[in-house]
């Protein structure tokens, strides 16, 4: 049988383009069966040995940088749309409105939308709503990437605020509104679309008088990728990670998740000065909220994997102990997590993997960790995705599916605004055309994506 050679240690994008489809087929044949369609997976349910299908082939042990033999490429295409069983807790939730925000005919001419409109943030500050988003030729690193900033009094008519370019890729825009000031942070990466090259965090501040935005300046820890900002215990916070350059090198080097605070928007220190790193392992994108008992609940994307497995982690703390995390593993991967609280309950908006069990971790424990992460990435890239709402079951310490937002292909990176009507929230996210043909994730990343605004309505579940 003819084999394709791929180098372990090259970028994930190279691997996906060359042979992801073959691994997707192999992985689908040998996935762990842990209650397909149930939508609920406890860490203890993950099998230690999945029993890999012999047709997929068990590869010899390799080190990062060596060549490994992979099966031939089968035809690629989207999988069926598997929908988990919804489980509702204290609230019923429905999507009552969806509309496209970007591209739109009424956008200011200073902020032209390119083909790919994705990573975004929204915030309410000084009586207006501010929206920042990345626009580029496609999802991947590009020197043509721009971050545009708009503002609006009614989320219908938008005014141009600023545009940022750096001759490098820009993404992960994050606002922080604190003490009457507004800052915008973003990550700077390289220009190689086949690599993930974090150069660190940049910030611009909006002058309260003139409304002008300052030039971008570098702040934060070296190589830091900002993920979420907000207020916690009367103090501003930022959570993000370092070590992102290791994610797609498959070298199993750990990443550090930092919980930081600031007094001036520019200088950052650990939330707990003695413990700025709250989690070390395979985790990167992390979001959290605090429940009615003052316990912090965090969802961590565990894409690189570690001793706990691959997929995600659900982490929690004792009341008020925001830096001392305990985590359990989940084989599903909730990309670009947004976590928020409502009436003491904890909710998550994150990407859903459209396979029968939704697992990212396929349980290939008879293969090396390097081989596992490569195969998991490849299989994941060849399946469709949705942007979904989940809830954190704090009693059972697991994440439960609730509903899908209108979405398709490449999607999520959500941000949220509470609305004046009690129980209603505006969720901004991005997606391939929700009404178009079902796309796998790879196809969605190469094609057009738009920014949407959804209104979620929460009502008591009597």
Protein backbone atom coordinates (compact mmCIF):
# COMPACT_ATOMS: atom_id res chain seq x y z
CA UNK A 1 0.00 0.00 0.00
CA UNK A 2 1.38 3.41 -0.95
CA UNK A 3 2.14 5.67 1.99
CA UNK A 4 2.43 9.44 2.30
CA UNK A 5 5.34 10.77 4.31
CA UNK A 6 4.70 13.67 6.69
CA UNK A 7 7.19 15.32 9.00
CA UNK A 8 6.25 15.44 12.66
CA UNK A 9 7.09 18.89 13.93
CA UNK A 10 5.99 20.86 10.86
CA UNK A 11 2.97 23.08 11.15
CA UNK A 12 -0.55 21.76 11.62
CA UNK A 13 -1.68 23.50 8.45
CA UNK A 14 0.85 21.61 6.33
CA UNK A 15 -0.31 18.35 7.84
CA UNK A 16 -3.96 19.14 7.30
CA UNK A 17 -3.50 20.07 3.67
CA UNK A 18 -1.46 16.97 2.91
CA UNK A 19 -3.14 14.17 4.81
CA UNK A 20 -5.83 15.25 7.23
CA UNK A 21 -8.57 13.50 5.28
CA UNK A 22 -6.86 10.13 5.58
CA UNK A 23 -6.57 10.40 9.33
CA UNK A 24 -10.14 11.59 9.62
CA UNK A 25 -11.30 8.36 8.06
CA UNK A 26 -9.04 6.26 10.24
CA UNK A 27 -10.03 8.09 13.39
CA UNK A 28 -13.72 7.78 12.63
CA UNK A 29 -13.34 4.01 12.35
CA UNK A 30 -11.64 3.69 15.72
CA UNK A 31 -13.27 6.38 17.87
CA UNK A 32 -14.19 5.57 21.45
CA UNK A 33 -17.88 4.84 21.93
CA UNK A 34 -18.97 6.59 25.09
CA UNK A 35 -22.64 7.27 24.53
CA UNK A 36 -22.95 8.82 21.06
CA UNK A 37 -25.55 11.53 20.93
CA UNK A 38 -25.83 11.94 24.68
CA UNK A 39 -23.95 15.22 24.73
CA UNK A 40 -22.47 14.55 28.19
CA UNK A 41 -19.05 13.02 28.75
CA UNK A 42 -17.43 12.71 32.17
CA UNK A 43 -13.65 12.54 32.38
CA UNK A 44 -13.86 9.13 34.04
CA UNK A 45 -15.70 7.75 31.01
CA UNK A 46 -12.72 8.20 28.70
CA UNK A 47 -11.25 4.80 27.91
CA UNK A 48 -7.55 4.34 28.54
CA UNK A 49 -7.21 2.06 25.51
CA UNK A 50 -9.42 2.66 22.47
CA UNK A 51 -8.42 -0.42 20.48
CA UNK A 52 -7.28 1.21 17.25
CA UNK A 53 -8.74 -0.27 14.09
CA UNK A 54 -6.06 -2.45 12.48
CA UNK A 55 -6.85 -0.92 9.09
CA UNK A 56 -5.68 2.43 10.37
CA UNK A 57 -2.24 1.06 11.16
CA UNK A 58 -0.27 1.41 14.37
CA UNK A 59 2.74 3.60 13.74
CA UNK A 60 6.18 3.07 15.33
CA UNK A 61 7.28 5.40 18.08
CA UNK A 62 8.79 8.61 16.74
CA UNK A 63 10.33 11.78 18.06
CA UNK A 64 9.32 15.27 16.95
CA UNK A 65 11.10 15.98 13.67
CA UNK A 66 11.07 12.40 12.37
CA UNK A 67 9.07 11.16 9.41
CA UNK A 68 6.08 8.89 9.99
CA UNK A 69 4.14 6.89 7.43
CA UNK A 70 0.46 7.71 7.01
CA UNK A 71 -2.35 5.98 5.11
CA UNK A 72 -3.39 7.13 1.61
CA UNK A 73 -5.83 9.99 1.23
CA UNK A 74 -9.54 9.09 0.87
CA UNK A 75 -12.10 11.51 -0.56
CA UNK A 76 -12.90 14.36 1.82
CA UNK A 77 -16.24 15.87 2.64
CA UNK A 78 -18.48 16.97 5.52
CA UNK A 79 -19.90 14.45 7.95
CA UNK A 80 -23.59 14.32 8.90
CA UNK A 81 -24.78 16.88 11.43
CA UNK A 82 -24.95 14.88 14.66
CA UNK A 83 -26.99 16.77 17.26
CA UNK A 84 -26.61 15.80 20.95
CA UNK A 85 -29.56 15.51 23.27
CA UNK A 86 -30.18 18.90 24.90
CA UNK A 87 -30.28 19.09 28.69
CA UNK A 88 -31.54 22.27 30.32
CA UNK A 89 -30.95 23.25 33.93
CA UNK A 90 -32.28 26.29 35.76
CA UNK A 91 -33.14 28.06 32.49
CA UNK A 92 -34.69 27.35 29.14
CA UNK A 93 -32.93 29.20 26.32
CA UNK A 94 -33.97 30.09 22.81
CA UNK A 95 -32.47 32.06 19.93
CA UNK A 96 -35.03 34.77 19.18
CA UNK A 97 -33.12 36.80 16.57
CA UNK A 98 -30.14 36.44 14.24
CA UNK A 99 -28.78 39.02 11.82
CA UNK A 100 -25.59 39.58 9.90
CA UNK A 101 -23.53 42.55 11.03
CA UNK A 102 -20.41 42.27 8.82
CA UNK A 103 -20.17 42.59 5.85
CA UNK A 104 -23.01 45.09 5.49
CA UNK A 105 -23.85 47.93 3.13
CA UNK A 106 -23.98 50.47 5.97
CA UNK A 107 -20.44 49.94 7.24
CA UNK A 108 -18.16 52.99 7.25
CA UNK A 109 -15.93 53.13 4.17
CA UNK A 110 -12.85 53.37 6.42
CA UNK A 111 -13.42 49.75 7.56
CA UNK A 112 -13.74 47.57 4.43
CA UNK A 113 -14.46 43.91 5.07
CA UNK A 114 -12.27 41.34 3.35
CA UNK A 115 -13.28 37.72 2.65
CA UNK A 116 -12.62 36.40 6.15
CA UNK A 117 -14.22 38.28 9.05
CA UNK A 118 -13.67 36.42 12.28
CA UNK A 119 -12.01 37.08 15.64
CA UNK A 120 -14.01 39.76 17.42
CA UNK A 121 -14.97 41.43 20.67
CA UNK A 122 -17.81 43.70 21.77
CA UNK A 123 -18.19 45.84 24.86
CA UNK A 124 -20.45 48.57 26.21
CA UNK A 125 -18.51 51.65 27.30
CA UNK A 126 -19.67 55.16 28.13
CA UNK A 127 -23.10 54.67 26.58
CA UNK A 128 -21.93 53.11 23.29
CA UNK A 129 -21.21 49.63 22.01
CA UNK A 130 -17.74 49.04 20.59
CA UNK A 131 -17.01 46.25 18.13
CA UNK A 132 -13.53 45.15 17.04
CA UNK A 133 -12.91 42.42 14.50
CA UNK A 134 -10.18 40.90 12.36
CA UNK A 135 -10.58 40.93 8.58
CA UNK A 136 -8.19 39.19 6.17
CA UNK A 137 -8.07 37.19 2.94
CA UNK A 138 -8.74 33.97 4.92
CA UNK A 139 -8.50 32.61 8.44
CA UNK A 140 -4.75 32.06 8.33
CA UNK A 141 -1.84 34.37 9.15
CA UNK A 142 -1.51 37.22 6.65
CA UNK A 143 0.29 40.57 6.43
CA UNK A 144 -2.99 41.89 4.99
CA UNK A 145 -4.88 41.27 8.24
CA UNK A 146 -6.54 44.33 9.76
CA UNK A 147 -8.35 44.97 13.03
CA UNK A 148 -11.17 47.50 12.61
CA UNK A 149 -12.98 49.20 15.47
CA UNK A 150 -16.53 50.55 15.19
CA UNK A 151 -18.93 52.04 17.70
CA UNK A 152 -22.69 52.39 17.81
CA UNK A 153 -25.44 53.81 19.96
CA UNK A 154 -28.01 51.22 18.81
CA UNK A 155 -26.03 48.28 17.31
CA UNK A 156 -27.60 49.14 13.96
CA UNK A 157 -25.68 52.17 12.66
CA UNK A 158 -21.93 51.99 13.12
CA UNK A 159 -19.28 54.70 13.16
CA UNK A 160 -15.62 54.14 12.39
CA UNK A 161 -13.25 54.47 15.34
CA UNK A 162 -9.87 53.10 14.23
CA UNK A 163 -8.09 50.54 12.06
CA UNK A 164 -4.87 48.75 12.88
CA UNK A 165 -2.30 47.08 10.62
CA UNK A 166 1.16 45.85 11.46
CA UNK A 167 2.57 44.09 8.34
CA UNK A 168 2.03 40.97 10.45
CA UNK A 169 -1.03 38.99 11.36
CA UNK A 170 -3.28 40.56 14.01
CA UNK A 171 -6.02 38.68 15.88
CA UNK A 172 -7.67 38.04 19.27
CA UNK A 173 -8.90 41.63 19.82
CA UNK A 174 -10.01 42.19 23.43
CA UNK A 175 -11.50 45.31 25.02
CA UNK A 176 -11.09 46.31 28.64
CA UNK A 177 -13.33 49.02 30.09
CA UNK A 178 -12.17 50.13 33.51
CA UNK A 179 -12.40 53.26 35.60
CA UNK A 180 -13.71 55.33 32.68
CA UNK A 181 -10.96 54.16 30.29
CA UNK A 182 -11.14 51.88 27.25
CA UNK A 183 -8.24 49.78 25.98
CA UNK A 184 -8.04 47.41 23.04
CA UNK A 185 -5.58 44.52 23.17
CA UNK A 186 -4.67 42.13 20.38
CA UNK A 187 -2.15 39.45 19.54
CA UNK A 188 0.52 39.93 16.89
CA UNK A 189 1.63 36.88 14.95
CA UNK A 190 3.81 36.27 11.90
CA UNK A 191 2.90 36.12 8.22
CA UNK A 192 3.42 32.43 7.49
CA UNK A 193 -0.02 30.93 6.96
CA UNK A 194 1.46 27.51 7.74
CA UNK A 195 2.63 28.46 11.24
CA UNK A 196 1.48 29.94 14.54
CA UNK A 197 4.10 32.50 15.53
CA UNK A 198 3.03 34.58 18.55
CA UNK A 199 5.06 37.76 18.92
CA UNK A 200 3.17 39.08 21.93
CA UNK A 201 0.35 41.40 22.92
CA UNK A 202 -0.28 44.94 21.67
CA UNK A 203 -2.50 47.65 23.18
CA UNK A 204 -4.16 50.86 22.02
CA UNK A 205 -5.98 53.27 24.35
CA UNK A 206 -8.93 55.47 23.43
CA UNK A 207 -8.59 59.05 24.59
CA UNK A 208 -11.76 59.98 26.46
CA UNK A 209 -11.69 63.57 25.23
CA UNK A 210 -10.78 63.42 21.55
CA UNK A 211 -11.86 59.83 20.92
CA UNK A 212 -8.56 59.13 19.19
CA UNK A 213 -6.86 55.78 19.58
CA UNK A 214 -3.16 55.60 20.41
CA UNK A 215 -0.52 53.81 18.39
CA UNK A 216 -0.12 50.12 19.17
CA UNK A 217 2.51 49.37 21.79
CA UNK A 218 3.74 46.03 23.12
CA UNK A 219 2.76 45.04 26.67
CA UNK A 220 2.43 41.93 28.81
CA UNK A 221 4.55 38.81 29.17
CA UNK A 222 6.73 37.75 26.25
CA UNK A 223 4.74 35.86 23.61
CA UNK A 224 1.49 36.41 25.53
CA UNK A 225 -1.84 35.80 23.74
CA UNK A 226 -4.75 37.65 25.41
CA UNK A 227 -7.99 35.72 25.62
CA UNK A 228 -10.56 37.35 27.94
CA UNK A 229 -10.81 40.48 30.06
CA UNK A 230 -13.31 41.70 32.61
CA UNK A 231 -13.88 42.59 36.25
CA UNK A 232 -13.45 40.17 39.09
CA UNK A 233 -13.78 41.03 42.76
CA UNK A 234 -13.73 44.75 42.01
CA UNK A 235 -10.51 44.52 40.01
CA UNK A 236 -9.83 44.30 36.25
CA UNK A 237 -8.45 41.01 34.99
CA UNK A 238 -6.96 39.53 31.86
CA UNK A 239 -6.52 35.83 31.19
CA UNK A 240 -4.35 34.50 28.39
CA UNK A 241 -1.51 32.13 27.67
CA UNK A 242 2.13 31.80 26.67
CA UNK A 243 3.82 28.97 24.80
CA UNK A 244 1.39 29.10 21.87
CA UNK A 245 4.25 28.52 19.44
CA UNK A 246 4.33 24.91 20.65
CA UNK A 247 0.71 24.05 19.84
CA UNK A 248 1.22 23.08 16.19
CA UNK A 249 4.81 21.92 16.49
CA UNK A 250 3.56 18.79 18.27
CA UNK A 251 6.56 18.92 20.59
CA UNK A 252 4.42 18.45 23.74
CA UNK A 253 6.06 21.43 25.43
CA UNK A 254 3.71 22.87 28.09
CA UNK A 255 1.74 26.09 27.80
CA UNK A 256 1.07 28.44 30.73
CA UNK A 257 -2.26 30.12 31.43
CA UNK A 258 -1.82 33.46 33.20
CA UNK A 259 -4.43 35.26 35.29
CA UNK A 260 -3.33 38.91 35.41
CA UNK A 261 -4.50 42.28 36.69
CA UNK A 262 -3.57 45.89 35.97
CA UNK A 263 -3.99 49.35 37.42
CA UNK A 264 -3.15 51.36 34.29
CA UNK A 265 -4.06 49.09 31.37
CA UNK A 266 -0.41 48.75 30.39
CA UNK A 267 1.47 47.14 33.27
CA UNK A 268 0.31 43.65 34.20
CA UNK A 269 1.03 41.57 37.27
CA UNK A 270 -0.31 38.26 38.51
CA UNK A 271 -3.80 38.35 39.99
CA UNK A 272 -2.11 36.50 42.79
CA UNK A 273 1.39 37.97 42.72
CA UNK A 274 2.82 34.70 44.00
CA UNK A 275 0.91 32.57 41.46
CA UNK A 276 0.40 34.34 38.11
CA UNK A 277 0.24 30.99 36.26
CA UNK A 278 -2.99 29.20 37.19
CA UNK A 279 -2.69 26.19 34.87
CA UNK A 280 0.20 24.50 33.07
CA UNK A 281 -0.14 21.77 30.45
CA UNK A 282 -1.77 21.60 27.03
CA UNK A 283 -4.27 24.40 27.65
CA UNK A 284 -4.47 27.69 25.76
CA UNK A 285 -7.75 29.57 25.18
CA UNK A 286 -9.42 29.95 28.58
CA UNK A 287 -12.52 31.74 29.83
CA UNK A 288 -14.22 31.75 33.22
CA UNK A 289 -17.06 33.11 35.31
CA UNK A 290 -17.98 33.07 39.00
CA UNK A 291 -21.10 31.36 40.33
CA UNK A 292 -23.47 32.29 43.15
CA UNK A 293 -21.11 30.64 45.67
CA UNK A 294 -18.15 32.78 44.53
CA UNK A 295 -16.50 29.76 42.92
CA UNK A 296 -14.61 30.37 39.70
CA UNK A 297 -15.45 27.97 36.83
CA UNK A 298 -13.15 27.93 33.80
CA UNK A 299 -13.18 26.12 30.45
CA UNK A 300 -9.74 25.52 28.97
CA UNK A 301 -9.04 24.40 25.40
CA UNK A 302 -6.58 21.51 25.87
CA UNK A 303 -5.59 21.15 22.24
CA UNK A 304 -1.93 20.24 22.72
CA UNK A 305 -2.71 17.60 25.31
CA UNK A 306 -0.93 16.56 28.50
CA UNK A 307 -1.09 13.82 31.11
CA UNK A 308 -4.82 14.42 31.52
CA UNK A 309 -5.54 13.74 27.83
CA UNK A 310 -6.70 16.01 25.00
CA UNK A 311 -9.78 18.15 24.36
CA UNK A 312 -10.75 20.52 27.16
CA UNK A 313 -10.53 20.97 30.90
CA UNK A 314 -13.24 22.13 33.26
CA UNK A 315 -11.57 23.89 36.18
CA UNK A 316 -13.01 25.22 39.41
CA UNK A 317 -11.91 26.80 42.68
CA UNK A 318 -12.99 27.10 46.27
CA UNK A 319 -15.07 30.22 47.03
CA UNK A 320 -12.96 33.33 46.52
CA UNK A 321 -9.77 31.35 45.72
CA UNK A 322 -9.52 32.45 42.11
CA UNK A 323 -5.91 31.37 41.49
CA UNK A 324 -6.02 27.85 42.97
CA UNK A 325 -7.54 25.69 40.23
CA UNK A 326 -8.64 22.05 40.22
CA UNK A 327 -9.31 20.62 36.76
CA UNK A 328 -11.03 17.60 35.22
CA UNK A 329 -10.56 16.50 31.62
CA UNK A 330 -13.18 16.38 28.86
CA UNK A 331 -12.43 14.64 25.52
CA UNK A 332 -14.44 17.29 23.65
CA UNK A 333 -12.73 20.52 22.54
CA UNK A 334 -14.73 23.73 23.10
CA UNK A 335 -12.73 26.05 20.86
CA UNK A 336 -12.77 29.82 21.49
CA UNK A 337 -14.65 29.52 24.79
CA UNK A 338 -16.83 32.30 26.15
CA UNK A 339 -17.99 31.65 29.73
CA UNK A 340 -20.55 33.81 31.53
CA UNK A 341 -22.87 33.62 34.51
CA UNK A 342 -26.58 34.35 34.76
CA UNK A 343 -28.50 34.14 38.02
CA UNK A 344 -25.64 32.16 39.53
CA UNK A 345 -25.52 29.54 36.75
CA UNK A 346 -22.51 29.12 34.45
CA UNK A 347 -22.85 29.00 30.66
CA UNK A 348 -20.42 28.40 27.83
CA UNK A 349 -20.46 29.38 24.16
CA UNK A 350 -17.94 27.34 22.20
CA UNK A 351 -17.39 25.37 19.04
CA UNK A 352 -19.10 21.96 18.66
CA UNK A 353 -17.45 19.09 16.77
CA UNK A 354 -20.01 17.32 14.58
CA UNK A 355 -19.24 13.65 15.17
CA UNK A 356 -21.39 11.09 17.01
CA UNK A 357 -19.69 11.67 20.36
CA UNK A 358 -18.07 15.05 19.63
CA UNK A 359 -14.70 13.86 20.88
CA UNK A 360 -11.43 15.49 19.96
CA UNK A 361 -9.52 12.92 22.03
CA UNK A 362 -10.05 9.63 20.19
CA UNK A 363 -8.28 7.52 22.78
CA UNK A 364 -5.34 6.24 20.71
CA UNK A 365 -3.34 5.34 23.80
CA UNK A 366 -1.29 2.66 22.03
CA UNK A 367 0.35 5.40 19.95
CA UNK A 368 2.89 7.97 21.07
CA UNK A 369 1.61 11.31 22.38
CA UNK A 370 3.05 13.04 19.31
CA UNK A 371 1.21 10.71 16.95
CA UNK A 372 -1.98 11.12 18.94
CA UNK A 373 -2.06 14.91 18.77
CA UNK A 374 -1.31 14.90 15.04
CA UNK A 375 -4.08 12.42 14.31
CA UNK A 376 -6.57 14.22 16.54
CA UNK A 377 -5.85 17.54 14.81
CA UNK A 378 -6.19 16.02 11.37
CA UNK A 379 -9.48 14.27 12.13
CA UNK A 380 -10.88 17.40 13.76
CA UNK A 381 -10.09 19.62 10.79
CA UNK A 382 -12.06 17.42 8.40
CA UNK A 383 -15.38 17.53 10.26
CA UNK A 384 -18.02 20.28 10.31
CA UNK A 385 -18.55 22.55 13.30
CA UNK A 386 -21.32 24.54 14.94
CA UNK A 387 -21.25 27.33 17.50
CA UNK A 388 -23.18 26.04 20.51
CA UNK A 389 -24.45 27.08 23.90
CA UNK A 390 -23.57 24.74 26.77
CA UNK A 391 -24.09 24.82 30.51
CA UNK A 392 -21.74 23.82 33.28
CA UNK A 393 -23.25 21.15 35.49
CA UNK A 394 -21.51 22.16 38.69
CA UNK A 395 -22.77 19.16 40.65
CA UNK A 396 -21.40 16.58 38.23
CA UNK A 397 -18.55 18.82 37.05
CA UNK A 398 -19.20 18.36 33.39
CA UNK A 399 -20.35 20.41 30.39
CA UNK A 400 -23.80 19.72 28.94
CA UNK A 401 -25.11 20.67 25.49
CA UNK A 402 -28.07 23.04 25.25
CA UNK A 403 -28.50 24.35 21.69
CA UNK A 404 -26.75 25.37 18.48
CA UNK A 405 -26.63 28.93 17.25
CA UNK A 406 -27.15 29.42 13.49
CA UNK A 407 -23.64 28.56 12.29
CA UNK A 408 -21.59 26.44 9.90
CA UNK A 409 -18.05 25.54 8.89
CA UNK A 410 -15.56 27.87 10.54
CA UNK A 411 -17.39 29.47 13.42
CA UNK A 412 -17.52 30.84 17.00
CA UNK A 413 -15.11 33.22 18.84
CA UNK A 414 -18.15 34.64 20.56
CA UNK A 415 -18.54 37.77 22.65
CA UNK A 416 -21.55 38.76 24.74
CA UNK A 417 -23.52 41.86 25.73
CA UNK A 418 -26.32 41.87 28.33
CA UNK A 419 -29.40 43.56 26.88
CA UNK A 420 -31.87 45.87 28.66
CA UNK A 421 -34.57 43.19 28.71
CA UNK A 422 -33.91 40.90 31.69
CA UNK A 423 -32.73 37.47 30.58
CA UNK A 424 -31.70 38.56 27.09
CA UNK A 425 -28.14 38.63 25.77
CA UNK A 426 -26.63 39.58 22.43
CA UNK A 427 -24.06 37.04 21.28
CA UNK A 428 -21.73 38.21 18.54
CA UNK A 429 -19.83 35.47 16.70
CA UNK A 430 -18.50 34.65 13.25
CA UNK A 431 -19.42 31.85 10.88
CA UNK A 432 -19.44 30.53 7.37
CA UNK A 433 -22.89 31.02 5.83
CA UNK A 434 -25.31 29.35 8.31
CA UNK A 435 -27.78 28.69 5.51
CA UNK A 436 -25.21 27.28 3.08
CA UNK A 437 -24.06 23.71 2.47
CA UNK A 438 -22.52 21.99 5.48
CA UNK A 439 -18.77 22.65 5.41
CA UNK A 440 -15.93 20.91 7.17
CA UNK A 441 -13.68 23.13 9.25
CA UNK A 442 -10.83 23.22 6.73
CA UNK A 443 -13.14 24.37 3.93
CA UNK A 444 -14.71 26.98 6.21
CA UNK A 445 -11.33 28.47 7.10
CA UNK A 446 -10.44 28.93 3.45
CA UNK A 447 -13.75 30.54 2.49
CA UNK A 448 -15.80 33.61 3.43
CA UNK A 449 -16.92 34.14 7.01
CA UNK A 450 -19.25 36.80 8.39
CA UNK A 451 -20.02 38.30 11.78
CA UNK A 452 -23.49 37.70 13.24
CA UNK A 453 -25.50 38.96 16.17
CA UNK A 454 -27.83 36.51 17.94
CA UNK A 455 -30.25 37.33 20.74
CA UNK A 456 -30.57 34.61 23.37
CA UNK A 457 -33.54 34.64 25.75
CA UNK A 458 -33.25 32.87 29.11
CA UNK A 459 -36.44 32.00 30.98
CA UNK A 460 -36.90 30.06 34.24
CA UNK A 461 -37.20 26.31 33.84
CA UNK A 462 -40.08 25.64 36.24
